[in-house]
């Protein structure tokens, strides 16, 4: 392993702070950028500003779950400072430097390729995505309870997508007594949904299936188009948990008066400690493997 391993955490939320604490407890030096408004005795000595970072001594970078936008800007929760990671910054890092991120955005992919630095998407791994689906589903259930007038039990709930998040989401709402329909284009997913006692339907039939109380989208591609939304009841609650750009025509939903909640980063809001522990467990394994 690299002696005196130094990890730079750029932006994020409480999840990254939990990671910082546990990684530091294992002997890694941690620098935190984007947290000057958060005070905690365990991390105050780690805080810095991006202008003061000596990238030539950084062995690994951890970015927020959302990665960075197409301008290189990193999402922050506890700072008014704009944090931008540039190609010049990465070129200053040692050649062995590894970038860890939640998801890969096009800009981030181009940046890592231009600087020839290894890029590791944590949420591409089944283990972390499946574990992270648990607080996502719990948080979505909380949002549904707080934003509807009826019980979840007996409600008609539609889950769009039956991947790692969709499976957990469907199980949680079904356990609560909801009548759960699952939409997908994947025949294997539809068969698995039927095996689980749910009601599957193909996306080509979505306009005929859309009369529900709660519609939960897990797919980051446009599924709830204006055509679909025009068939939806005005009492329906849409909860879109998909990462950017989401899967809903947000402007049309607002124009039509449908209640819509785009719930990004649920784990970091409702269970930040648990969500941070999930990231840390995987990151610890990756650091061990990458720097041995």
C-alpha atoms as a PDB file:
ATOM      1  CA  UNK A   1       0.000   0.000   0.000  1.00  0.00           C
ATOM      2  CA  UNK A   2       1.114   3.576  -0.669  1.00  0.00           C
ATOM      3  CA  UNK A   3       2.785   4.919   2.462  1.00  0.00           C
ATOM      4  CA  UNK A   4       0.862   7.688   4.207  1.00  0.00           C
ATOM      5  CA  UNK A   5      -2.119   7.374   1.850  1.00  0.00           C
ATOM      6  CA  UNK A   6      -3.865  10.716   1.355  1.00  0.00           C
ATOM      7  CA  UNK A   7      -7.562  10.880   0.372  1.00  0.00           C
ATOM      8  CA  UNK A   8      -9.205  14.081  -0.846  1.00  0.00           C
ATOM      9  CA  UNK A   9     -12.996  14.232  -0.429  1.00  0.00           C
ATOM     10  CA  UNK A  10     -14.483  16.885  -2.693  1.00  0.00           C
ATOM     11  CA  UNK A  11     -18.019  17.970  -1.824  1.00  0.00           C
ATOM     12  CA  UNK A  12     -20.967  15.812  -0.889  1.00  0.00           C
ATOM     13  CA  UNK A  13     -23.101  15.600   2.217  1.00  0.00           C
ATOM     14  CA  UNK A  14     -23.167  13.840   5.592  1.00  0.00           C
ATOM     15  CA  UNK A  15     -22.445  10.517   3.891  1.00  0.00           C
ATOM     16  CA  UNK A  16     -19.011  11.755   2.882  1.00  0.00           C
ATOM     17  CA  UNK A  17     -18.407  13.026   6.418  1.00  0.00           C
ATOM     18  CA  UNK A  18     -19.146   9.559   7.805  1.00  0.00           C
ATOM     19  CA  UNK A  19     -16.699   8.118   5.279  1.00  0.00           C
ATOM     20  CA  UNK A  20     -14.074  10.687   6.293  1.00  0.00           C
ATOM     21  CA  UNK A  21     -14.315   9.718   9.953  1.00  0.00           C
ATOM     22  CA  UNK A  22     -14.027   5.989   9.413  1.00  0.00           C
ATOM     23  CA  UNK A  23     -11.318   6.196   6.735  1.00  0.00           C
ATOM     24  CA  UNK A  24      -9.257   8.467   9.000  1.00  0.00           C
ATOM     25  CA  UNK A  25      -9.670   6.004  11.882  1.00  0.00           C
ATOM     26  CA  UNK A  26      -7.895   3.404   9.729  1.00  0.00           C
ATOM     27  CA  UNK A  27      -4.831   5.612   9.356  1.00  0.00           C
ATOM     28  CA  UNK A  28      -5.501   7.365   6.054  1.00  0.00           C
ATOM     29  CA  UNK A  29      -4.964  11.131   5.946  1.00  0.00           C
ATOM     30  CA  UNK A  30      -8.189  12.806   4.830  1.00  0.00           C
ATOM     31  CA  UNK A  31      -8.718  16.281   3.396  1.00  0.00           C
ATOM     32  CA  UNK A  32     -12.258  17.658   3.156  1.00  0.00           C
ATOM     33  CA  UNK A  33     -13.240  20.383   0.701  1.00  0.00           C
ATOM     34  CA  UNK A  34     -16.723  21.864   0.673  1.00  0.00           C
ATOM     35  CA  UNK A  35     -17.608  21.497   4.340  1.00  0.00           C
ATOM     36  CA  UNK A  36     -16.587  24.804   5.941  1.00  0.00           C
ATOM     37  CA  UNK A  37     -20.156  25.379   7.194  1.00  0.00           C
ATOM     38  CA  UNK A  38     -20.265  22.059   9.041  1.00  0.00           C
ATOM     39  CA  UNK A  39     -18.682  21.991  12.485  1.00  0.00           C
ATOM     40  CA  UNK A  40     -17.667  18.680  14.043  1.00  0.00           C
ATOM     41  CA  UNK A  41     -14.638  18.167  16.273  1.00  0.00           C
ATOM     42  CA  UNK A  42     -13.852  14.904  14.504  1.00  0.00           C
ATOM     43  CA  UNK A  43     -13.498  16.515  11.096  1.00  0.00           C
ATOM     44  CA  UNK A  44     -12.664  20.188  11.712  1.00  0.00           C
ATOM     45  CA  UNK A  45      -8.931  19.556  11.351  1.00  0.00           C
ATOM     46  CA  UNK A  46      -9.522  17.861   7.967  1.00  0.00           C
ATOM     47  CA  UNK A  47     -11.277  20.823   6.354  1.00  0.00           C
ATOM     48  CA  UNK A  48      -9.565  22.832   3.637  1.00  0.00           C
ATOM     49  CA  UNK A  49     -10.339  24.836   0.508  1.00  0.00           C
ATOM     50  CA  UNK A  50      -9.648  23.672  -3.013  1.00  0.00           C
ATOM     51  CA  UNK A  51      -7.218  26.546  -3.627  1.00  0.00           C
ATOM     52  CA  UNK A  52      -4.999  25.210  -0.819  1.00  0.00           C
ATOM     53  CA  UNK A  53      -4.889  21.583  -1.986  1.00  0.00           C
ATOM     54  CA  UNK A  54      -1.520  20.262  -3.151  1.00  0.00           C
ATOM     55  CA  UNK A  55      -2.776  17.814  -5.784  1.00  0.00           C
ATOM     56  CA  UNK A  56       0.726  16.393  -6.247  1.00  0.00           C
ATOM     57  CA  UNK A  57       0.313  14.635  -2.895  1.00  0.00           C
ATOM     58  CA  UNK A  58      -3.212  13.275  -3.420  1.00  0.00           C
ATOM     59  CA  UNK A  59      -3.403   9.494  -3.862  1.00  0.00           C
ATOM     60  CA  UNK A  60      -7.175   9.194  -4.193  1.00  0.00           C
ATOM     61  CA  UNK A  61     -10.215  11.429  -4.662  1.00  0.00           C
ATOM     62  CA  UNK A  62     -13.756  10.749  -3.515  1.00  0.00           C
ATOM     63  CA  UNK A  63     -16.521  12.674  -5.278  1.00  0.00           C
ATOM     64  CA  UNK A  64     -20.196  12.899  -4.291  1.00  0.00           C
ATOM     65  CA  UNK A  65     -22.656  10.225  -5.379  1.00  0.00           C
ATOM     66  CA  UNK A  66     -23.732  12.538  -8.225  1.00  0.00           C
ATOM     67  CA  UNK A  67     -20.161  12.881  -9.487  1.00  0.00           C
ATOM     68  CA  UNK A  68     -19.921  16.290 -11.142  1.00  0.00           C
ATOM     69  CA  UNK A  69     -21.934  18.233 -13.699  1.00  0.00           C
ATOM     70  CA  UNK A  70     -20.908  18.962 -17.264  1.00  0.00           C
ATOM     71  CA  UNK A  71     -19.053  22.084 -16.207  1.00  0.00           C
ATOM     72  CA  UNK A  72     -16.882  20.209 -13.749  1.00  0.00           C
ATOM     73  CA  UNK A  73     -18.779  21.570 -10.752  1.00  0.00           C
ATOM     74  CA  UNK A  74     -19.024  19.336  -7.699  1.00  0.00           C
ATOM     75  CA  UNK A  75     -22.192  19.259  -5.599  1.00  0.00           C
ATOM     76  CA  UNK A  76     -21.810  20.670  -2.077  1.00  0.00           C
ATOM     77  CA  UNK A  77     -24.169  20.811   0.902  1.00  0.00           C
ATOM     78  CA  UNK A  78     -22.137  22.772   3.452  1.00  0.00           C
ATOM     79  CA  UNK A  79     -20.381  25.459   1.457  1.00  0.00           C
ATOM     80  CA  UNK A  80     -21.087  28.604  -0.547  1.00  0.00           C
ATOM     81  CA  UNK A  81     -17.866  28.060  -2.461  1.00  0.00           C
ATOM     82  CA  UNK A  82     -18.071  26.754  -6.008  1.00  0.00           C
ATOM     83  CA  UNK A  83     -15.894  23.676  -6.330  1.00  0.00           C
ATOM     84  CA  UNK A  84     -14.662  22.810  -9.812  1.00  0.00           C
ATOM     85  CA  UNK A  85     -12.252  19.973 -10.573  1.00  0.00           C
ATOM     86  CA  UNK A  86     -10.169  20.606 -13.684  1.00  0.00           C
ATOM     87  CA  UNK A  87      -7.918  18.612 -15.964  1.00  0.00           C
ATOM     88  CA  UNK A  88      -5.006  20.711 -14.690  1.00  0.00           C
ATOM     89  CA  UNK A  89      -5.788  19.649 -11.124  1.00  0.00           C
ATOM     90  CA  UNK A  90      -5.804  15.969 -12.063  1.00  0.00           C
ATOM     91  CA  UNK A  91      -2.601  16.227 -14.081  1.00  0.00           C
ATOM     92  CA  UNK A  92      -0.843  17.429 -10.913  1.00  0.00           C
ATOM     93  CA  UNK A  93      -1.795  14.229  -9.061  1.00  0.00           C
ATOM     94  CA  UNK A  94       0.515  11.188  -9.026  1.00  0.00           C
ATOM     95  CA  UNK A  95      -0.077   8.754 -11.897  1.00  0.00           C
ATOM     96  CA  UNK A  96      -1.404   6.183  -9.426  1.00  0.00           C
ATOM     97  CA  UNK A  97      -4.163   8.536  -8.239  1.00  0.00           C
ATOM     98  CA  UNK A  98      -7.634   6.970  -8.381  1.00  0.00           C
ATOM     99  CA  UNK A  99     -10.940   8.865  -8.642  1.00  0.00           C
ATOM    100  CA  UNK A 100     -13.887   7.301  -6.814  1.00  0.00           C
ATOM    101  CA  UNK A 101     -17.359   8.583  -7.629  1.00  0.00           C
ATOM    102  CA  UNK A 102     -20.950   7.526  -7.159  1.00  0.00           C
ATOM    103  CA  UNK A 103     -21.843   7.682 -10.837  1.00  0.00           C
ATOM    104  CA  UNK A 104     -19.914   8.623 -13.964  1.00  0.00           C
ATOM    105  CA  UNK A 105     -21.080  11.691 -15.842  1.00  0.00           C
ATOM    106  CA  UNK A 106     -19.907  12.405 -19.415  1.00  0.00           C
ATOM    107  CA  UNK A 107     -17.738  15.319 -18.295  1.00  0.00           C
ATOM    108  CA  UNK A 108     -16.110  13.297 -15.531  1.00  0.00           C
ATOM    109  CA  UNK A 109     -15.409  10.448 -17.934  1.00  0.00           C
ATOM    110  CA  UNK A 110     -13.758  12.829 -20.406  1.00  0.00           C
ATOM    111  CA  UNK A 111     -11.769  14.444 -17.611  1.00  0.00           C
ATOM    112  CA  UNK A 112     -10.363  11.170 -16.287  1.00  0.00           C
ATOM    113  CA  UNK A 113      -9.481   9.973 -19.784  1.00  0.00           C
ATOM    114  CA  UNK A 114      -7.744  13.255 -20.624  1.00  0.00           C
ATOM    115  CA  UNK A 115      -5.678  13.086 -17.436  1.00  0.00           C
ATOM    116  CA  UNK A 116      -5.214   9.291 -17.744  1.00  0.00           C
ATOM    117  CA  UNK A 117      -6.438   8.621 -14.202  1.00  0.00           C
ATOM    118  CA  UNK A 118      -8.369   5.561 -13.102  1.00  0.00           C
ATOM    119  CA  UNK A 119     -12.085   6.260 -12.532  1.00  0.00           C
ATOM    120  CA  UNK A 120     -14.151   3.952 -10.312  1.00  0.00           C
ATOM    121  CA  UNK A 121     -17.985   4.297 -10.184  1.00  0.00           C
ATOM    122  CA  UNK A 122     -19.040   2.951  -6.787  1.00  0.00           C
ATOM    123  CA  UNK A 123     -22.728   2.689  -7.631  1.00  0.00           C
ATOM    124  CA  UNK A 124     -22.038   0.514 -10.656  1.00  0.00           C
ATOM    125  CA  UNK A 125     -21.354  -2.268  -8.164  1.00  0.00           C
ATOM    126  CA  UNK A 126     -24.304  -4.498  -7.335  1.00  0.00           C
ATOM    127  CA  UNK A 127     -23.489  -4.698  -3.637  1.00  0.00           C
ATOM    128  CA  UNK A 128     -23.467  -0.968  -2.954  1.00  0.00           C
ATOM    129  CA  UNK A 129     -26.433  -0.255  -5.247  1.00  0.00           C
ATOM    130  CA  UNK A 130     -28.558  -2.976  -3.638  1.00  0.00           C
ATOM    131  CA  UNK A 131     -27.670  -1.925  -0.097  1.00  0.00           C
ATOM    132  CA  UNK A 132     -28.306   1.716  -0.989  1.00  0.00           C
ATOM    133  CA  UNK A 133     -31.731   0.777  -2.338  1.00  0.00           C
ATOM    134  CA  UNK A 134     -32.889   0.021   1.206  1.00  0.00           C
ATOM    135  CA  UNK A 135     -32.746   3.594   2.594  1.00  0.00           C
ATOM    136  CA  UNK A 136     -33.991   4.818  -0.800  1.00  0.00           C
ATOM    137  CA  UNK A 137     -37.114   2.666  -0.486  1.00  0.00           C
ATOM    138  CA  UNK A 138     -37.619   3.576   3.179  1.00  0.00           C
ATOM    139  CA  UNK A 139     -37.338   7.270   2.364  1.00  0.00           C
ATOM    140  CA  UNK A 140     -39.721   6.961  -0.566  1.00  0.00           C
ATOM    141  CA  UNK A 141     -42.262   5.274   1.690  1.00  0.00           C
ATOM    142  CA  UNK A 142     -41.911   8.172   4.143  1.00  0.00           C
ATOM    143  CA  UNK A 143     -42.461  10.696   1.342  1.00  0.00           C
ATOM    144  CA  UNK A 144     -45.541   8.807   0.161  1.00  0.00           C
ATOM    145  CA  UNK A 145     -47.054   8.703   3.650  1.00  0.00           C
ATOM    146  CA  UNK A 146     -46.434  12.407   4.221  1.00  0.00           C
ATOM    147  CA  UNK A 147     -47.849  13.494   0.869  1.00  0.00           C
ATOM    148  CA  UNK A 148     -51.015  11.428   0.524  1.00  0.00           C
ATOM    149  CA  UNK A 149     -54.316  11.483   2.375  1.00  0.00           C
ATOM    150  CA  UNK A 150     -54.943   7.737   2.249  1.00  0.00           C
ATOM    151  CA  UNK A 151     -53.234   4.711   3.747  1.00  0.00           C
ATOM    152  CA  UNK A 152     -50.519   2.989   1.752  1.00  0.00           C
ATOM    153  CA  UNK A 153     -52.371  -0.237   2.515  1.00  0.00           C
ATOM    154  CA  UNK A 154     -54.807  -0.767  -0.332  1.00  0.00           C
ATOM    155  CA  UNK A 155     -53.359   1.997  -2.498  1.00  0.00           C
ATOM    156  CA  UNK A 156     -52.552   1.406  -6.152  1.00  0.00           C
ATOM    157  CA  UNK A 157     -48.803   1.890  -6.523  1.00  0.00           C
ATOM    158  CA  UNK A 158     -46.861   1.801  -9.771  1.00  0.00           C
ATOM    159  CA  UNK A 159     -43.114   1.153  -9.785  1.00  0.00           C
ATOM    160  CA  UNK A 160     -41.344   2.050 -13.025  1.00  0.00           C
ATOM    161  CA  UNK A 161     -38.269  -0.117 -13.407  1.00  0.00           C
ATOM    162  CA  UNK A 162     -37.505  -3.400 -11.673  1.00  0.00           C
ATOM    163  CA  UNK A 163     -33.772  -3.165 -11.280  1.00  0.00           C
ATOM    164  CA  UNK A 164     -31.808  -2.976  -8.055  1.00  0.00           C
ATOM    165  CA  UNK A 165     -33.844  -0.069  -6.670  1.00  0.00           C
ATOM    166  CA  UNK A 166     -37.157  -1.098  -8.173  1.00  0.00           C
ATOM    167  CA  UNK A 167     -37.080  -4.573  -6.618  1.00  0.00           C
ATOM    168  CA  UNK A 168     -36.561  -3.209  -3.109  1.00  0.00           C
ATOM    169  CA  UNK A 169     -39.123  -0.457  -3.678  1.00  0.00           C
ATOM    170  CA  UNK A 170     -41.756  -2.959  -4.831  1.00  0.00           C
ATOM    171  CA  UNK A 171     -41.101  -5.263  -1.877  1.00  0.00           C
ATOM    172  CA  UNK A 172     -41.403  -2.445   0.684  1.00  0.00           C
ATOM    173  CA  UNK A 173     -44.691  -1.101  -0.709  1.00  0.00           C
ATOM    174  CA  UNK A 174     -46.112  -4.577  -1.225  1.00  0.00           C
ATOM    175  CA  UNK A 175     -45.286  -5.461   2.384  1.00  0.00           C
ATOM    176  CA  UNK A 176     -47.256  -2.385   3.449  1.00  0.00           C
ATOM    177  CA  UNK A 177     -50.321  -3.812   1.696  1.00  0.00           C
ATOM    178  CA  UNK A 178     -50.247  -1.730  -1.474  1.00  0.00           C
ATOM    179  CA  UNK A 179     -51.385  -3.174  -4.806  1.00  0.00           C
ATOM    180  CA  UNK A 180     -48.114  -2.917  -6.705  1.00  0.00           C
ATOM    181  CA  UNK A 181     -47.773  -2.821 -10.477  1.00  0.00           C
ATOM    182  CA  UNK A 182     -44.297  -3.022 -11.984  1.00  0.00           C
ATOM    183  CA  UNK A 183     -43.430  -1.579 -15.389  1.00  0.00           C
ATOM    184  CA  UNK A 184     -40.417  -2.584 -17.466  1.00  0.00           C
ATOM    185  CA  UNK A 185     -39.258  -3.244 -21.025  1.00  0.00           C
ATOM    186  CA  UNK A 186     -37.280  -6.257 -19.867  1.00  0.00           C
ATOM    187  CA  UNK A 187     -39.193  -9.527 -20.164  1.00  0.00           C
ATOM    188  CA  UNK A 188     -37.023 -11.210 -17.529  1.00  0.00           C
ATOM    189  CA  UNK A 189     -37.781  -8.414 -15.062  1.00  0.00           C
ATOM    190  CA  UNK A 190     -41.499  -8.721 -15.797  1.00  0.00           C
ATOM    191  CA  UNK A 191     -41.340 -12.468 -15.190  1.00  0.00           C
ATOM    192  CA  UNK A 192     -39.482 -11.912 -11.918  1.00  0.00           C
ATOM    193  CA  UNK A 193     -42.097  -9.367 -10.827  1.00  0.00           C
ATOM    194  CA  UNK A 194     -44.866 -11.881 -11.524  1.00  0.00           C
ATOM    195  CA  UNK A 195     -42.954 -14.539  -9.565  1.00  0.00           C
ATOM    196  CA  UNK A 196     -42.841 -12.104  -6.617  1.00  0.00           C
ATOM    197  CA  UNK A 197     -46.629 -11.815  -6.647  1.00  0.00           C
ATOM    198  CA  UNK A 198     -46.698  -8.366  -8.246  1.00  0.00           C
ATOM    199  CA  UNK A 199     -48.618  -7.200 -11.318  1.00  0.00           C
ATOM    200  CA  UNK A 200     -46.231  -6.648 -14.240  1.00  0.00           C
ATOM    201  CA  UNK A 201     -46.831  -4.635 -17.405  1.00  0.00           C
ATOM    202  CA  UNK A 202     -44.732  -3.695 -20.425  1.00  0.00           C
ATOM    203  CA  UNK A 203     -43.909  -0.033 -20.945  1.00  0.00           C
ATOM    204  CA  UNK A 204     -45.662  -0.120 -24.319  1.00  0.00           C
ATOM    205  CA  UNK A 205     -48.907  -0.412 -22.350  1.00  0.00           C
ATOM    206  CA  UNK A 206     -48.109   2.276 -19.760  1.00  0.00           C
ATOM    207  CA  UNK A 207     -50.851   4.672 -20.903  1.00  0.00           C
ATOM    208  CA  UNK A 208     -53.455   2.002 -20.159  1.00  0.00           C
ATOM    209  CA  UNK A 209     -51.950   1.231 -16.740  1.00  0.00           C
ATOM    210  CA  UNK A 210     -51.351   4.749 -15.465  1.00  0.00           C
ATOM    211  CA  UNK A 211     -54.491   5.166 -13.302  1.00  0.00           C
ATOM    212  CA  UNK A 212     -52.825   4.768  -9.894  1.00  0.00           C
ATOM    213  CA  UNK A 213     -52.567   6.570  -6.558  1.00  0.00           C
ATOM    214  CA  UNK A 214     -48.775   6.685  -6.397  1.00  0.00           C
ATOM    215  CA  UNK A 215     -46.297   6.417  -9.271  1.00  0.00           C
ATOM    216  CA  UNK A 216     -42.623   5.858  -8.418  1.00  0.00           C
ATOM    217  CA  UNK A 217     -40.028   6.181 -11.159  1.00  0.00           C
ATOM    218  CA  UNK A 218     -36.564   4.648 -10.748  1.00  0.00           C
ATOM    219  CA  UNK A 219     -35.316   5.077 -14.340  1.00  0.00           C
ATOM    220  CA  UNK A 220     -33.118   8.080 -15.330  1.00  0.00           C
ATOM    221  CA  UNK A 221     -34.640   8.278 -18.819  1.00  0.00           C
ATOM    222  CA  UNK A 222     -37.860   9.933 -19.932  1.00  0.00           C
ATOM    223  CA  UNK A 223     -40.669   7.476 -19.174  1.00  0.00           C
ATOM    224  CA  UNK A 224     -43.449   9.735 -17.917  1.00  0.00           C
ATOM    225  CA  UNK A 225     -43.855  11.760 -21.111  1.00  0.00           C
ATOM    226  CA  UNK A 226     -46.487  14.417 -21.685  1.00  0.00           C
ATOM    227  CA  UNK A 227     -48.569  11.802 -23.478  1.00  0.00           C
ATOM    228  CA  UNK A 228     -48.432   9.461 -20.485  1.00  0.00           C
ATOM    229  CA  UNK A 229     -49.031  12.261 -17.972  1.00  0.00           C
ATOM    230  CA  UNK A 230     -52.079  13.462 -19.889  1.00  0.00           C
ATOM    231  CA  UNK A 231     -53.704  10.083 -19.104  1.00  0.00           C
ATOM    232  CA  UNK A 232     -52.779  10.252 -15.406  1.00  0.00           C
ATOM    233  CA  UNK A 233     -55.319  11.190 -12.731  1.00  0.00           C
ATOM    234  CA  UNK A 234     -54.722  14.569 -11.091  1.00  0.00           C
ATOM    235  CA  UNK A 235     -54.832  12.931  -7.647  1.00  0.00           C
ATOM    236  CA  UNK A 236     -51.806  10.767  -8.442  1.00  0.00           C
ATOM    237  CA  UNK A 237     -48.588  11.460  -6.533  1.00  0.00           C
ATOM    238  CA  UNK A 238     -45.415  11.052  -8.596  1.00  0.00           C
ATOM    239  CA  UNK A 239     -42.190  10.342  -6.736  1.00  0.00           C
ATOM    240  CA  UNK A 240     -39.215  10.335  -9.106  1.00  0.00           C
ATOM    241  CA  UNK A 241     -36.150   8.850  -7.394  1.00  0.00           C
ATOM    242  CA  UNK A 242     -34.068   8.560 -10.569  1.00  0.00           C
ATOM    243  CA  UNK A 243     -30.768  10.390 -10.833  1.00  0.00           C
ATOM    244  CA  UNK A 244     -30.486  13.330 -13.221  1.00  0.00           C
ATOM    245  CA  UNK A 245     -32.129  13.938 -15.651  1.00  0.00           C
ATOM    246  CA  UNK A 246     -34.940  11.956 -13.997  1.00  0.00           C
ATOM    247  CA  UNK A 247     -37.662  10.151 -15.894  1.00  0.00           C
ATOM    248  CA  UNK A 248     -40.529  12.646 -15.878  1.00  0.00           C
ATOM    249  CA  UNK A 249     -41.568  15.577 -18.037  1.00  0.00           C
ATOM    250  CA  UNK A 250     -41.444  17.870 -15.020  1.00  0.00           C
ATOM    251  CA  UNK A 251     -42.727  20.971 -16.807  1.00  0.00           C
ATOM    252  CA  UNK A 252     -45.783  19.201 -18.198  1.00  0.00           C
ATOM    253  CA  UNK A 253     -46.576  17.603 -14.829  1.00  0.00           C
ATOM    254  CA  UNK A 254     -46.454  21.023 -13.162  1.00  0.00           C
ATOM    255  CA  UNK A 255     -48.552  22.581 -15.928  1.00  0.00           C
ATOM    256  CA  UNK A 256     -51.182  19.871 -15.547  1.00  0.00           C
ATOM    257  CA  UNK A 257     -51.231  20.230 -11.757  1.00  0.00           C
ATOM    258  CA  UNK A 258     -49.994  16.761 -10.861  1.00  0.00           C
ATOM    259  CA  UNK A 259     -48.162  16.600  -7.540  1.00  0.00           C
ATOM    260  CA  UNK A 260     -44.564  15.646  -8.260  1.00  0.00           C
ATOM    261  CA  UNK A 261     -41.596  15.155  -5.955  1.00  0.00           C
ATOM    262  CA  UNK A 262     -38.161  14.649  -7.476  1.00  0.00           C
ATOM    263  CA  UNK A 263     -36.474  12.940  -4.552  1.00  0.00           C
ATOM    264  CA  UNK A 264     -32.731  12.994  -5.197  1.00  0.00           C
ATOM    265  CA  UNK A 265     -30.210  11.689  -2.671  1.00  0.00           C
ATOM    266  CA  UNK A 266     -32.746  10.115  -0.332  1.00  0.00           C
ATOM    267  CA  UNK A 267     -30.226   7.927   1.584  1.00  0.00           C
ATOM    268  CA  UNK A 268     -28.135  10.966   2.477  1.00  0.00           C
ATOM    269  CA  UNK A 269     -31.193  12.735   3.855  1.00  0.00           C
ATOM    270  CA  UNK A 270     -33.029  10.050   5.819  1.00  0.00           C
ATOM    271  CA  UNK A 271     -30.236   7.658   6.821  1.00  0.00           C
ATOM    272  CA  UNK A 272     -26.888   9.433   6.280  1.00  0.00           C
ATOM    273  CA  UNK A 273     -24.954   7.360   8.807  1.00  0.00           C
ATOM    274  CA  UNK A 274     -26.091   4.046   7.328  1.00  0.00           C
ATOM    275  CA  UNK A 275     -25.605   5.330   3.787  1.00  0.00           C
ATOM    276  CA  UNK A 276     -22.108   6.549   4.664  1.00  0.00           C
ATOM    277  CA  UNK A 277     -21.251   3.171   6.170  1.00  0.00           C
ATOM    278  CA  UNK A 278     -22.318   1.467   2.933  1.00  0.00           C
ATOM    279  CA  UNK A 279     -19.985   3.687   0.888  1.00  0.00           C
ATOM    280  CA  UNK A 280     -17.158   3.315   3.404  1.00  0.00           C
ATOM    281  CA  UNK A 281     -17.327  -0.489   3.415  1.00  0.00           C
ATOM    282  CA  UNK A 282     -16.832  -0.641  -0.332  1.00  0.00           C
ATOM    283  CA  UNK A 283     -14.281   2.178  -0.429  1.00  0.00           C
ATOM    284  CA  UNK A 284     -12.136   0.459   2.214  1.00  0.00           C
ATOM    285  CA  UNK A 285     -12.025  -2.671   0.064  1.00  0.00           C
ATOM    286  CA  UNK A 286     -11.178  -0.699  -3.071  1.00  0.00           C
ATOM    287  CA  UNK A 287      -8.405   1.301  -1.388  1.00  0.00           C
ATOM    288  CA  UNK A 288      -6.889  -1.936  -0.115  1.00  0.00           C
ATOM    289  CA  UNK A 289      -6.979  -3.468  -3.573  1.00  0.00           C
ATOM    290  CA  UNK A 290      -5.878  -0.390  -5.520  1.00  0.00           C
ATOM    291  CA  UNK A 291      -2.969   0.558  -3.286  1.00  0.00           C
ATOM    292  CA  UNK A 292      -1.533  -2.828  -2.376  1.00  0.00           C
END
